[in-house]
C-alpha atoms as a PDB file:
ATOM      1  CA  MET A   1     206.459 -41.582-162.502  1.00  0.00           C
ATOM      2  CA  PRO A   2     204.912 -42.842-159.552  1.00  0.00           C
ATOM      3  CA  GLY A   3     202.001 -40.609-157.944  1.00  0.00           C
ATOM      4  CA  ALA A   4     202.291 -38.472-160.836  1.00  0.00           C
ATOM      5  CA  PRO A   5     198.690 -37.317-161.948  1.00  0.00           C
ATOM      6  CA  THR A   6     197.138 -39.055-165.609  1.00  0.00           C
ATOM      7  CA  PRO A   7     197.118 -36.538-168.258  1.00  0.00           C
ATOM      8  CA  SER A   8     193.149 -35.836-168.782  1.00  0.00           C
ATOM      9  CA  TRP A   9     193.362 -37.125-172.578  1.00  0.00           C
ATOM     10  CA  VAL A  10     193.540 -40.765-171.352  1.00  0.00           C
ATOM     11  CA  SER A  11     192.092 -42.619-168.374  1.00  0.00           C
ATOM     12  CA  GLY A  12     192.381 -46.073-166.869  1.00  0.00           C
ATOM     13  CA  GLN A  13     189.692 -48.137-166.618  1.00  0.00           C
ATOM     14  CA  ALA A  14     188.849 -51.895-165.440  1.00  0.00           C
ATOM     15  CA  ASP A  15     189.284 -53.600-168.436  1.00  0.00           C
ATOM     16  CA  GLY A  16     192.073 -50.785-170.352  1.00  0.00           C
ATOM     17  CA  VAL A  17     192.144 -47.410-171.023  1.00  0.00           C
ATOM     18  CA  ARG A  18     189.502 -44.011-172.112  1.00  0.00           C
ATOM     19  CA  VAL A  19     191.736 -41.865-174.928  1.00  0.00           C
ATOM     20  CA  ALA A  20     189.861 -38.227-176.072  1.00  0.00           C
ATOM     21  CA  VAL A  21     191.013 -37.741-179.065  1.00  0.00           C
ATOM     22  CA  ARG A  22     190.114 -35.005-181.645  1.00  0.00           C
ATOM     23  CA  VAL A  23     190.518 -35.983-185.289  1.00  0.00           C
ATOM     24  CA  THR A  24     190.590 -34.037-188.623  1.00  0.00           C
ATOM     25  CA  PRO A  25     189.602 -36.198-191.961  1.00  0.00           C
ATOM     26  CA  ARG A  26     190.782 -35.624-195.050  1.00  0.00           C
ATOM     27  CA  ALA A  27     194.455 -34.518-194.084  1.00  0.00           C
ATOM     28  CA  ALA A  28     197.485 -34.399-196.628  1.00  0.00           C
ATOM     29  CA  ARG A  29     198.851 -37.243-194.595  1.00  0.00           C
ATOM     30  CA  SER A  30     197.641 -39.239-191.692  1.00  0.00           C
ATOM     31  CA  ALA A  31     199.472 -38.293-188.293  1.00  0.00           C
ATOM     32  CA  VAL A  32     198.965 -38.205-184.751  1.00  0.00           C
ATOM     33  CA  HIS A  33     200.151 -34.689-183.918  1.00  0.00           C
ATOM     34  CA  GLY A  34     200.550 -35.084-180.038  1.00  0.00           C
ATOM     35  CA  VAL A  35     198.503 -33.880-177.209  1.00  0.00           C
ATOM     36  CA  GLU A  36     196.690 -30.581-177.604  1.00  0.00           C
ATOM     37  CA  THR A  37     194.448 -28.469-174.824  1.00  0.00           C
ATOM     38  CA  ASP A  38     191.116 -26.904-176.069  1.00  0.00           C
ATOM     39  CA  ALA A  39     190.415 -23.767-174.581  1.00  0.00           C
ATOM     40  CA  ASP A  40     187.963 -25.355-171.716  1.00  0.00           C
ATOM     41  CA  GLY A  41     191.416 -26.966-170.645  1.00  0.00           C
ATOM     42  CA  GLN A  42     190.165 -30.477-172.035  1.00  0.00           C
ATOM     43  CA  ALA A  43     193.302 -32.536-173.467  1.00  0.00           C
ATOM     44  CA  TRP A  44     192.772 -34.323-176.509  1.00  0.00           C
ATOM     45  CA  LEU A  45     194.901 -36.625-178.510  1.00  0.00           C
ATOM     46  CA  ALA A  46     195.183 -34.779-182.054  1.00  0.00           C
ATOM     47  CA  VAL A  47     194.947 -36.871-184.661  1.00  0.00           C
ATOM     48  CA  ARG A  48     194.889 -36.374-188.844  1.00  0.00           C
ATOM     49  CA  VAL A  49     193.662 -38.850-191.056  1.00  0.00           C
ATOM     50  CA  THR A  50     193.391 -38.943-194.716  1.00  0.00           C
ATOM     51  CA  ALA A  51     190.316 -40.718-195.003  1.00  0.00           C
ATOM     52  CA  PRO A  52     186.796 -38.746-195.748  1.00  0.00           C
ATOM     53  CA  PRO A  53     184.497 -38.643-192.907  1.00  0.00           C
ATOM     54  CA  GLU A  54     181.858 -40.615-194.544  1.00  0.00           C
ATOM     55  CA  ALA A  55     180.539 -44.398-193.703  1.00  0.00           C
ATOM     56  CA  GLY A  56     182.947 -44.492-190.910  1.00  0.00           C
ATOM     57  CA  LYS A  57     186.166 -44.459-193.051  1.00  0.00           C
ATOM     58  CA  ALA A  58     187.823 -41.949-191.235  1.00  0.00           C
ATOM     59  CA  ASN A  59     187.002 -43.528-187.412  1.00  0.00           C
ATOM     60  CA  ALA A  60     188.356 -46.878-189.310  1.00  0.00           C
ATOM     61  CA  ALA A  61     191.752 -44.693-190.448  1.00  0.00           C
ATOM     62  CA  LEU A  62     191.757 -43.486-186.877  1.00  0.00           C
ATOM     63  CA  ILE A  63     192.131 -47.061-184.937  1.00  0.00           C
ATOM     64  CA  ARG A  64     194.384 -48.544-187.772  1.00  0.00           C
ATOM     65  CA  LEU A  65     196.765 -45.620-187.345  1.00  0.00           C
ATOM     66  CA  LEU A  66     196.523 -46.005-183.598  1.00  0.00           C
ATOM     67  CA  ALA A  67     196.562 -49.587-183.243  1.00  0.00           C
ATOM     68  CA  LYS A  68     200.165 -48.955-185.729  1.00  0.00           C
ATOM     69  CA  ARG A  69     201.118 -46.706-184.082  1.00  0.00           C
ATOM     70  CA  TRP A  70     200.731 -47.947-180.123  1.00  0.00           C
ATOM     71  CA  ARG A  71     201.943 -51.434-181.341  1.00  0.00           C
ATOM     72  CA  LEU A  72     198.051 -52.949-180.600  1.00  0.00           C
ATOM     73  CA  ALA A  73     195.263 -54.947-182.352  1.00  0.00           C
ATOM     74  CA  ALA A  74     193.151 -52.847-183.728  1.00  0.00           C
ATOM     75  CA  SER A  75     190.230 -55.417-182.222  1.00  0.00           C
ATOM     76  CA  ASP A  76     191.535 -53.521-178.502  1.00  0.00           C
ATOM     77  CA  PHE A  77     189.656 -50.571-180.122  1.00  0.00           C
ATOM     78  CA  ARG A  78     186.593 -49.800-179.286  1.00  0.00           C
ATOM     79  CA  LEU A  79     184.684 -46.209-180.084  1.00  0.00           C
ATOM     80  CA  ILE A  80     182.635 -45.243-177.186  1.00  0.00           C
ATOM     81  CA  ARG A  81     181.695 -41.982-178.365  1.00  0.00           C
ATOM     82  CA  GLY A  82     181.748 -39.365-181.149  1.00  0.00           C
ATOM     83  CA  ALA A  83     181.238 -41.509-184.061  1.00  0.00           C
ATOM     84  CA  SER A  84     180.006 -38.611-186.335  1.00  0.00           C
ATOM     85  CA  ALA A  85     182.014 -35.790-184.689  1.00  0.00           C
ATOM     86  CA  ARG A  86     185.411 -34.346-184.702  1.00  0.00           C
ATOM     87  CA  ARG A  87     186.121 -35.585-180.796  1.00  0.00           C
ATOM     88  CA  LYS A  88     185.784 -39.156-180.079  1.00  0.00           C
ATOM     89  CA  VAL A  89     186.289 -41.049-177.167  1.00  0.00           C
ATOM     90  CA  LEU A  90     187.993 -44.749-177.662  1.00  0.00           C
ATOM     91  CA  HIS A  91     188.348 -47.506-175.075  1.00  0.00           C
ATOM     92  CA  VAL A  92     191.281 -49.748-175.837  1.00  0.00           C
ATOM     93  CA  GLN A  93     191.511 -52.778-173.801  1.00  0.00           C
ATOM     94  CA  GLY A  94     194.172 -54.378-171.892  1.00  0.00           C
ATOM     95  CA  SER A  95     196.141 -53.910-168.626  1.00  0.00           C
ATOM     96  CA  PRO A  96     195.061 -50.503-167.584  1.00  0.00           C
ATOM     97  CA  ALA A  97     198.772 -49.701-165.582  1.00  0.00           C
ATOM     98  CA  ARG A  98     200.809 -51.045-168.890  1.00  0.00           C
ATOM     99  CA  LEU A  99     198.678 -48.894-171.218  1.00  0.00           C
ATOM    100  CA  LEU A 100     198.355 -45.524-169.137  1.00  0.00           C
ATOM    101  CA  ALA A 101     202.671 -46.278-168.664  1.00  0.00           C
ATOM    102  CA  GLU A 102     203.133 -46.840-172.575  1.00  0.00           C
ATOM    103  CA  LEU A 103     200.920 -43.938-173.912  1.00  0.00           C
ATOM    104  CA  GLU A 104     202.214 -41.591-171.787  1.00  0.00           C
ATOM    105  CA  ALA A 105     205.682 -42.111-172.834  1.00  0.00           C
ATOM    106  CA  ILE A 106     204.764 -42.316-176.203  1.00  0.00           C
ATOM    107  CA  GLU A 107     202.346 -39.298-176.364  1.00  0.00           C
ATOM    108  CA  GLN A 108     203.809 -36.474-175.020  1.00  0.00           C
ATOM    109  CA  PRO A 109     201.685 -33.316-174.469  1.00  0.00           C
ATOM    110  CA  ALA A 110     202.616 -30.601-177.513  1.00  0.00           C
ATOM    111  CA  THR A 111     204.483 -27.777-176.045  1.00  0.00           C
ATOM    112  CA  ALA A 112     203.434 -23.940-176.601  1.00  0.00           C
ATOM    113  CA  GLY A 113     204.906 -22.304-179.303  1.00  0.00           C
ATOM    114  CA  ALA A 114     207.441 -25.536-180.405  1.00  0.00           C
ATOM    115  CA  GLY A 115     208.793 -25.499-184.404  1.00  0.00           C
ATOM    116  CA  PRO A 116     206.928 -23.845-186.744  1.00  0.00           C
END
């Protein structure tokens, strides 16, 4: 939708987009749980991975999961910030306009009170 504000979990850059992610390692299964907002109003894409947070395994699992879900090459992803933290910023290389539109369509914000 033209003119709509860009969600704060994803922002356009000259050569792609930046994505704010909150990762939970050692989860029962790897999955994207949608966009969540913390108490400070910052939006994050909530992702759970089965890999442990050691030797970059959880970061690699995160990139593999998002690349598959978003139908992009893993080589298009680069970890910008948060290599050893749960909150990370990824850069995804590509056309910013196309990526913003596709990611907004794929990852809808989680609604409060939805489901058990």
